[in-house]
Amino acid sequence: MAIGAALMLAALAQSFTFAVLGHTRGGPDDGMLPTARYEELVREVRSAQPDFVVLTGDLVYGDFQSPQVDRAAVLRDWEAVDAVFAKLGVPVHRVPGNHDLWESVTRDLWIERYGALQESFEYEGSLFLLLNSCWMPAAGDASHCPPKYIRGVQLDEARRDFLSKELAAYPQSSHVFAFLGHVLWWEEDAAWWSEVHPLLAKSPTRAVFSGDLGPWKFSHQRRDGIDYLQTSCEFVPAPLEMQRNRESIRALSEQLDTWAFVTVDGPSIDIDVRTLGALESGSFSPEKYRAVHEFDADTFERKVFRRMDNPTRLTDWLWKLGIAAACGGALIGAAAVWILRRRR
């Protein structure tokens, strides 16, 4: 009884905070950073005074998709962003994203600088799981991440074994938090829900964080008391032409950049989603909206688009055009038959 009371008092006494930042890469390669955005990030996070920070992947551009990776250029990327993260003034933990680790050179560089690809640590009685959701080349494989795995891979048996062992090794943890680079739970039938979520649900898991750009920059859902959050930033927006022509790009560019500030106070967990660039970026003004959505407001092309601006309307118009074409063809056919008969 005394032991149980002591554990309860210890849990009640725990109080700390941490910040979660995702997809903070700036680009382009070779150590070039969007300085103003990074200064804002450092200022905002430092003002919150977290005890530590967790970075959820895509921290550098990483010479991504180059036929031959320039190791020196990727190293300069890492040195540049690590110099920024050092200004946060608190311990920083990382998980990789697909820009950080996408073939053997970037994998080996990560291990050289930051150690194992999956780790855990304990802080004030809570367990923190740093998971790897990146595609990994096999030993001796010089290939690059296939496009279908850019959004990550479901955790294989070895990675799930790591998760199970870490959870078993810390059975007295008051809270469990997990972090990975990709939103592996987006699809309802994703393997995550049958293979990973049950392991987390058996433990006092409070939240799972990811940082990749998916269909959105920010997303949230709750299942079995576990909050699943995706928070991410896009320090270099997509070109204006892409925002005009691609719905998926607009969906990303028109969300605010977000990060999470988590407060643990004994049994209580508070997750505060905060924004970056709402005032400084200039990306949310009426002028920006008009530049993307109304740049061709009075043109014939825009008028046609407004008539068919979603799949349902487009299908309806195609049906109407098909029926009209069929009717027109029937009328022409009937007229041709009538003319031939008249000539006889």
Protein backbone atom coordinates (compact mmCIF):
# COMPACT_ATOMS: atom_id res chain seq x y z
CA MET A 1 0.00 0.00 0.00
CA ALA A 2 2.83 2.40 0.90
CA ILE A 3 4.58 1.65 -2.41
CA GLY A 4 1.42 2.37 -4.38
CA ALA A 5 0.89 5.64 -2.52
CA ALA A 6 4.49 6.64 -3.20
CA LEU A 7 4.07 5.96 -6.91
CA MET A 8 0.89 8.00 -6.98
CA LEU A 9 2.55 10.93 -5.23
CA ALA A 10 5.50 10.73 -7.62
CA ALA A 11 3.16 10.84 -10.62
CA LEU A 12 1.32 13.84 -9.19
CA ALA A 13 4.60 15.66 -8.64
CA GLN A 14 5.73 15.32 -12.28
CA SER A 15 5.53 18.56 -14.19
CA PHE A 16 7.34 19.41 -17.43
CA THR A 17 6.83 20.66 -20.96
CA PHE A 18 8.14 19.81 -24.42
CA ALA A 19 7.75 21.12 -27.95
CA VAL A 20 7.19 19.12 -31.14
CA LEU A 21 8.34 20.54 -34.49
CA GLY A 22 7.86 18.81 -37.82
CA HIS A 23 8.90 19.30 -41.46
CA THR A 24 11.02 22.35 -40.66
CA ARG A 25 13.29 21.86 -43.69
CA GLY A 26 13.86 25.00 -45.64
CA GLY A 27 15.82 24.21 -48.80
CA PRO A 28 17.39 24.58 -51.16
CA ASP A 29 20.33 22.29 -50.56
CA ASP A 30 23.86 23.07 -49.45
CA GLY A 31 23.15 24.77 -46.15
CA MET A 32 20.89 27.50 -47.53
CA LEU A 33 18.10 28.32 -45.07
CA PRO A 34 15.09 30.67 -45.02
CA THR A 35 16.65 32.69 -42.24
CA ALA A 36 13.63 34.80 -41.31
CA ARG A 37 11.37 31.78 -40.83
CA TYR A 38 13.95 29.99 -38.70
CA GLU A 39 14.45 33.07 -36.55
CA GLU A 40 10.70 33.16 -35.97
CA LEU A 41 10.69 29.48 -35.03
CA VAL A 42 13.53 29.92 -32.52
CA ARG A 43 11.89 33.00 -31.03
CA GLU A 44 8.50 31.31 -30.60
CA VAL A 45 9.85 28.07 -29.14
CA ARG A 46 12.27 29.79 -26.79
CA SER A 47 9.48 32.02 -25.48
CA ALA A 48 7.50 28.89 -24.55
CA GLN A 49 10.47 27.61 -22.48
CA PRO A 50 10.06 23.87 -23.08
CA ASP A 51 12.27 21.44 -21.19
CA PHE A 52 13.20 19.77 -24.48
CA VAL A 53 12.23 19.61 -28.15
CA VAL A 54 11.38 16.67 -30.43
CA LEU A 55 11.86 17.10 -34.19
CA THR A 56 9.61 14.86 -36.28
CA GLY A 57 11.53 14.49 -39.52
CA ASP A 58 12.23 16.27 -42.82
CA LEU A 59 14.69 18.55 -41.10
CA VAL A 60 16.88 19.10 -44.18
CA TYR A 61 16.27 19.00 -47.89
CA GLY A 62 19.00 16.38 -48.10
CA ASP A 63 19.95 16.58 -51.80
CA PHE A 64 16.69 14.73 -52.30
CA GLN A 65 16.26 12.62 -55.45
CA SER A 66 19.65 13.55 -56.91
CA PRO A 67 21.03 10.75 -59.09
CA GLN A 68 24.24 10.84 -57.05
CA VAL A 69 23.95 12.21 -53.52
CA ASP A 70 26.47 14.92 -52.62
CA ARG A 71 27.45 13.89 -49.10
CA ALA A 72 29.27 17.15 -48.44
CA ALA A 73 26.18 19.18 -49.42
CA VAL A 74 23.92 17.12 -47.14
CA LEU A 75 26.42 17.53 -44.33
CA ARG A 76 26.30 21.30 -44.80
CA ASP A 77 22.50 21.08 -44.59
CA TRP A 78 22.75 19.30 -41.26
CA GLU A 79 25.34 21.69 -39.89
CA ALA A 80 23.16 24.66 -40.86
CA VAL A 81 19.94 23.39 -39.26
CA ASP A 82 21.70 22.03 -36.18
CA ALA A 83 23.17 25.48 -35.62
CA VAL A 84 19.58 26.78 -35.61
CA PHE A 85 18.33 24.07 -33.26
CA ALA A 86 21.23 24.76 -30.90
CA LYS A 87 19.77 28.24 -30.39
CA LEU A 88 16.71 26.67 -28.78
CA GLY A 89 18.86 26.24 -25.71
CA VAL A 90 17.36 22.89 -24.64
CA PRO A 91 18.01 19.22 -25.50
CA VAL A 92 16.82 18.24 -28.98
CA HIS A 93 15.68 14.75 -30.01
CA ARG A 94 15.05 13.66 -33.61
CA VAL A 95 13.31 11.10 -35.78
CA PRO A 96 14.09 10.90 -39.52
CA GLY A 97 11.86 11.88 -42.42
CA ASN A 98 12.18 10.88 -46.05
CA HIS A 99 14.36 13.92 -46.87
CA ASP A 100 16.72 13.09 -44.01
CA LEU A 101 17.11 9.42 -44.86
CA TRP A 102 16.31 8.10 -48.33
CA GLU A 103 19.32 6.05 -49.49
CA SER A 104 22.56 4.67 -48.07
CA VAL A 105 24.59 7.90 -47.93
CA THR A 106 21.95 9.85 -46.02
CA ARG A 107 21.26 6.84 -43.79
CA ASP A 108 24.91 6.46 -42.84
CA LEU A 109 25.27 10.20 -42.26
CA TRP A 110 22.29 10.16 -39.89
CA ILE A 111 23.74 7.26 -37.90
CA GLU A 112 27.14 8.96 -37.78
CA ARG A 113 25.69 12.19 -36.39
CA TYR A 114 22.71 11.07 -34.33
CA GLY A 115 23.07 7.36 -33.58
CA ALA A 116 20.42 4.68 -33.86
CA LEU A 117 17.44 5.15 -36.14
CA GLN A 118 15.07 4.13 -33.33
CA GLU A 119 15.60 5.15 -29.73
CA SER A 120 13.74 5.82 -26.53
CA PHE A 121 14.33 7.93 -23.48
CA GLU A 122 12.67 8.43 -20.13
CA TYR A 123 11.92 11.82 -18.64
CA GLU A 124 10.27 12.46 -15.30
CA GLY A 125 8.62 9.04 -15.32
CA SER A 126 7.31 9.29 -18.89
CA LEU A 127 8.52 7.19 -21.83
CA PHE A 128 9.35 8.77 -25.17
CA LEU A 129 9.57 6.54 -28.27
CA LEU A 130 11.49 7.79 -31.30
CA LEU A 131 10.42 5.60 -34.23
CA ASN A 132 11.71 5.26 -37.78
CA SER A 133 9.02 5.29 -40.49
CA CYS A 134 11.40 5.77 -43.45
CA TRP A 135 12.07 3.36 -46.28
CA MET A 136 15.47 1.75 -45.70
CA PRO A 137 17.87 0.39 -48.33
CA ALA A 138 19.06 -3.16 -47.73
CA ALA A 139 22.73 -3.84 -47.06
CA GLY A 140 24.70 -3.10 -50.21
CA ASP A 141 21.65 -1.59 -51.93
CA ALA A 142 22.52 1.68 -53.70
CA SER A 143 18.96 2.42 -54.83
CA HIS A 144 16.93 5.45 -53.76
CA CYS A 145 13.58 5.58 -51.98
CA PRO A 146 10.88 4.47 -54.45
CA PRO A 147 8.21 7.16 -55.01
CA LYS A 148 5.51 4.98 -53.43
CA TYR A 149 7.41 5.05 -50.11
CA ILE A 150 8.01 8.80 -49.93
CA ARG A 151 5.10 8.96 -47.47
CA GLY A 152 6.80 6.35 -45.30
CA VAL A 153 6.47 2.65 -44.69
CA GLN A 154 4.41 0.81 -42.14
CA LEU A 155 6.49 -0.47 -39.23
CA ASP A 156 7.89 -3.91 -40.04
CA GLU A 157 8.35 -6.71 -37.53
CA ALA A 158 11.76 -5.53 -36.35
CA ARG A 159 10.53 -2.00 -35.70
CA ARG A 160 7.43 -3.28 -33.92
CA ASP A 161 9.63 -5.56 -31.81
CA PHE A 162 11.61 -2.51 -30.72
CA LEU A 163 8.37 -0.80 -29.73
CA SER A 164 7.13 -3.82 -27.78
CA LYS A 165 10.42 -4.27 -25.93
CA GLU A 166 10.63 -0.62 -24.94
CA LEU A 167 7.06 -0.61 -23.64
CA ALA A 168 7.77 -3.79 -21.66
CA ALA A 169 10.99 -2.35 -20.23
CA TYR A 170 9.19 0.62 -18.67
CA PRO A 171 5.98 -0.80 -17.21
CA GLN A 172 5.77 1.92 -14.55
CA SER A 173 5.75 4.83 -16.99
CA SER A 174 3.11 7.41 -16.12
CA HIS A 175 2.72 8.43 -19.75
CA VAL A 176 3.96 7.26 -23.16
CA PHE A 177 4.54 9.52 -26.16
CA ALA A 178 5.57 8.30 -29.62
CA PHE A 179 7.11 10.23 -32.52
CA LEU A 180 7.74 9.37 -36.17
CA GLY A 181 8.24 11.15 -39.46
CA HIS A 182 5.15 10.04 -41.38
CA VAL A 183 1.37 9.89 -40.95
CA LEU A 184 1.11 6.10 -41.11
CA TRP A 185 -2.45 6.09 -39.77
CA TRP A 186 -4.15 8.29 -42.39
CA GLU A 187 -6.01 5.46 -44.16
CA GLU A 188 -8.70 3.68 -42.16
CA ASP A 189 -7.39 0.27 -43.29
CA ALA A 190 -3.71 1.14 -42.68
CA ALA A 191 -1.67 -1.62 -41.07
CA TRP A 192 -0.92 0.81 -38.25
CA TRP A 193 -4.38 0.29 -36.76
CA SER A 194 -4.04 -3.49 -36.54
CA GLU A 195 -0.29 -3.85 -35.89
CA VAL A 196 0.92 -0.81 -33.93
CA HIS A 197 -2.04 0.95 -32.33
CA PRO A 198 -3.00 -2.10 -30.20
CA LEU A 199 0.52 -2.13 -28.71
CA LEU A 200 0.26 1.54 -27.80
CA ALA A 201 -3.31 1.22 -26.52
CA LYS A 202 -2.21 -1.40 -23.96
CA SER A 203 0.14 1.18 -22.42
CA PRO A 204 -0.58 4.65 -21.01
CA THR A 205 0.05 6.22 -24.43
CA ARG A 206 -1.21 9.79 -24.51
CA ALA A 207 -0.19 11.01 -27.95
CA VAL A 208 1.56 10.06 -31.20
CA PHE A 209 3.17 12.84 -33.27
CA SER A 210 4.28 12.99 -36.90
CA GLY A 211 5.59 15.81 -39.04
CA ASP A 212 5.31 14.97 -42.73
CA LEU A 213 3.33 16.97 -45.25
CA GLY A 214 0.41 14.78 -46.18
CA PRO A 215 -2.90 15.80 -47.70
CA TRP A 216 -2.74 18.56 -45.04
CA LYS A 217 -0.06 20.20 -42.89
CA PHE A 218 -2.06 19.59 -39.72
CA SER A 219 -4.37 16.75 -38.80
CA HIS A 220 -5.73 15.22 -35.62
CA GLN A 221 -7.78 12.27 -34.55
CA ARG A 222 -8.33 10.44 -31.26
CA ARG A 223 -8.72 6.72 -30.79
CA ASP A 224 -8.82 4.75 -27.53
CA GLY A 225 -7.75 7.86 -25.65
CA ILE A 226 -4.66 8.41 -27.83
CA ASP A 227 -4.30 11.71 -29.69
CA TYR A 228 -2.75 11.35 -33.14
CA LEU A 229 -1.32 14.67 -34.34
CA GLN A 230 0.45 15.78 -37.47
CA THR A 231 2.10 19.19 -37.14
CA SER A 232 4.32 20.56 -39.88
CA CYS A 233 5.77 23.66 -41.50
CA GLU A 234 6.40 24.64 -45.10
CA PHE A 235 9.10 27.29 -44.96
CA VAL A 236 9.46 27.42 -48.77
CA PRO A 237 5.96 27.51 -50.34
CA ALA A 238 5.20 25.80 -53.62
CA PRO A 239 5.47 28.00 -56.74
CA LEU A 240 2.41 30.11 -57.46
CA GLU A 241 1.67 28.22 -60.68
CA MET A 242 1.50 24.92 -58.77
CA GLN A 243 -0.85 26.45 -56.22
CA ARG A 244 -3.12 27.63 -59.02
CA ASN A 245 -3.24 24.35 -60.91
CA ARG A 246 -3.09 21.60 -58.28
CA GLU A 247 -5.77 21.14 -55.66
CA SER A 248 -3.47 19.09 -53.41
CA ILE A 249 -0.85 21.86 -53.34
CA ARG A 250 -3.49 24.47 -52.49
CA ALA A 251 -4.73 22.30 -49.62
CA LEU A 252 -1.24 22.39 -48.12
CA SER A 253 -0.38 26.01 -48.83
CA GLU A 254 -3.63 27.32 -47.37
CA GLN A 255 -3.09 25.75 -43.95
CA LEU A 256 -1.07 27.53 -41.28
CA ASP A 257 2.29 26.14 -40.22
CA THR A 258 1.90 24.47 -36.84
CA TRP A 259 3.86 23.04 -33.94
CA ALA A 260 2.79 21.55 -30.63
CA PHE A 261 3.55 22.57 -27.07
CA VAL A 262 2.80 19.82 -24.56
CA THR A 263 2.40 20.31 -20.83
CA VAL A 264 2.54 17.33 -18.49
CA ASP A 265 1.28 18.09 -15.01
CA GLY A 266 1.00 14.87 -13.05
CA PRO A 267 -1.83 12.87 -14.63
CA SER A 268 -2.91 15.83 -16.77
CA ILE A 269 -1.77 16.28 -20.38
CA ASP A 270 -2.41 19.47 -22.35
CA ILE A 271 -1.53 19.72 -26.04
CA ASP A 272 -1.50 23.29 -27.35
CA VAL A 273 -1.26 23.56 -31.15
CA ARG A 274 0.54 26.78 -32.05
CA THR A 275 1.18 28.50 -35.37
CA LEU A 276 4.11 30.02 -37.21
CA GLY A 277 4.03 32.59 -39.98
CA ALA A 278 0.41 33.65 -39.57
CA LEU A 279 1.45 37.32 -39.58
CA GLU A 280 5.00 37.20 -40.89
CA SER A 281 4.75 34.97 -43.96
CA GLY A 282 2.32 37.09 -46.00
CA SER A 283 0.66 33.87 -47.16
CA PHE A 284 -2.84 34.58 -45.81
CA SER A 285 -3.77 37.96 -47.22
CA PRO A 286 -6.62 38.82 -49.61
CA GLU A 287 -3.96 39.63 -52.20
CA LYS A 288 -2.50 36.14 -51.90
CA TYR A 289 -5.96 34.58 -52.25
CA ARG A 290 -6.65 36.59 -55.37
CA ALA A 291 -3.26 35.68 -56.83
CA VAL A 292 -4.13 31.97 -56.52
CA HIS A 293 -7.90 31.87 -57.05
CA GLU A 294 -8.88 34.97 -59.03
CA PHE A 295 -5.88 35.77 -61.21
CA ASP A 296 -7.96 34.90 -64.31
CA ALA A 297 -11.37 35.81 -62.94
CA ASP A 298 -12.96 37.08 -66.18
CA THR A 299 -11.41 34.70 -68.67
CA PHE A 300 -13.34 32.10 -70.64
CA GLU A 301 -11.26 29.32 -69.06
CA ARG A 302 -12.18 30.43 -65.52
CA LYS A 303 -15.88 30.69 -66.40
CA VAL A 304 -15.81 27.14 -67.74
CA PHE A 305 -13.93 25.94 -64.67
CA ARG A 306 -16.52 27.49 -62.36
CA ARG A 307 -19.17 25.45 -64.15
CA MET A 308 -17.26 22.22 -63.53
CA ASP A 309 -15.08 22.85 -60.48
CA ASN A 310 -15.54 19.46 -58.80
CA PRO A 311 -15.81 15.83 -59.94
CA THR A 312 -19.59 15.67 -59.44
CA ARG A 313 -20.26 18.71 -61.59
CA LEU A 314 -17.78 17.53 -64.21
CA THR A 315 -19.53 14.15 -64.39
CA ASP A 316 -22.92 15.85 -64.69
CA TRP A 317 -21.66 18.02 -67.54
CA LEU A 318 -20.11 15.03 -69.30
CA TRP A 319 -23.42 13.18 -69.06
CA LYS A 320 -25.26 16.21 -70.44
CA LEU A 321 -22.77 16.60 -73.28
CA GLY A 322 -22.96 12.87 -74.01
CA ILE A 323 -26.75 12.92 -74.14
CA ALA A 324 -26.71 16.07 -76.28
CA ALA A 325 -24.18 14.48 -78.64
CA ALA A 326 -26.27 11.31 -78.87
CA CYS A 327 -29.42 13.28 -79.57
CA GLY A 328 -27.61 15.42 -82.12
CA GLY A 329 -26.23 12.32 -83.81
CA ALA A 330 -29.68 10.75 -83.90
CA LEU A 331 -31.16 13.87 -85.48
CA ILE A 332 -28.40 14.02 -88.09
CA GLY A 333 -28.89 10.33 -88.83
CA ALA A 334 -32.63 10.76 -89.18
CA ALA A 335 -32.12 13.75 -91.48
CA ALA A 336 -29.69 11.78 -93.63
CA VAL A 337 -32.19 8.92 -93.99
CA TRP A 338 -34.96 11.36 -94.89
CA ILE A 339 -32.77 13.04 -97.54
CA LEU A 340 -31.81 9.69 -99.09
CA ARG A 341 -35.44 8.63 -99.26
CA ARG A 342 -36.43 11.92 -100.90
CA ARG A 343 -33.80 11.42 -103.60
CA ARG A 344 -35.27 8.05 -104.52
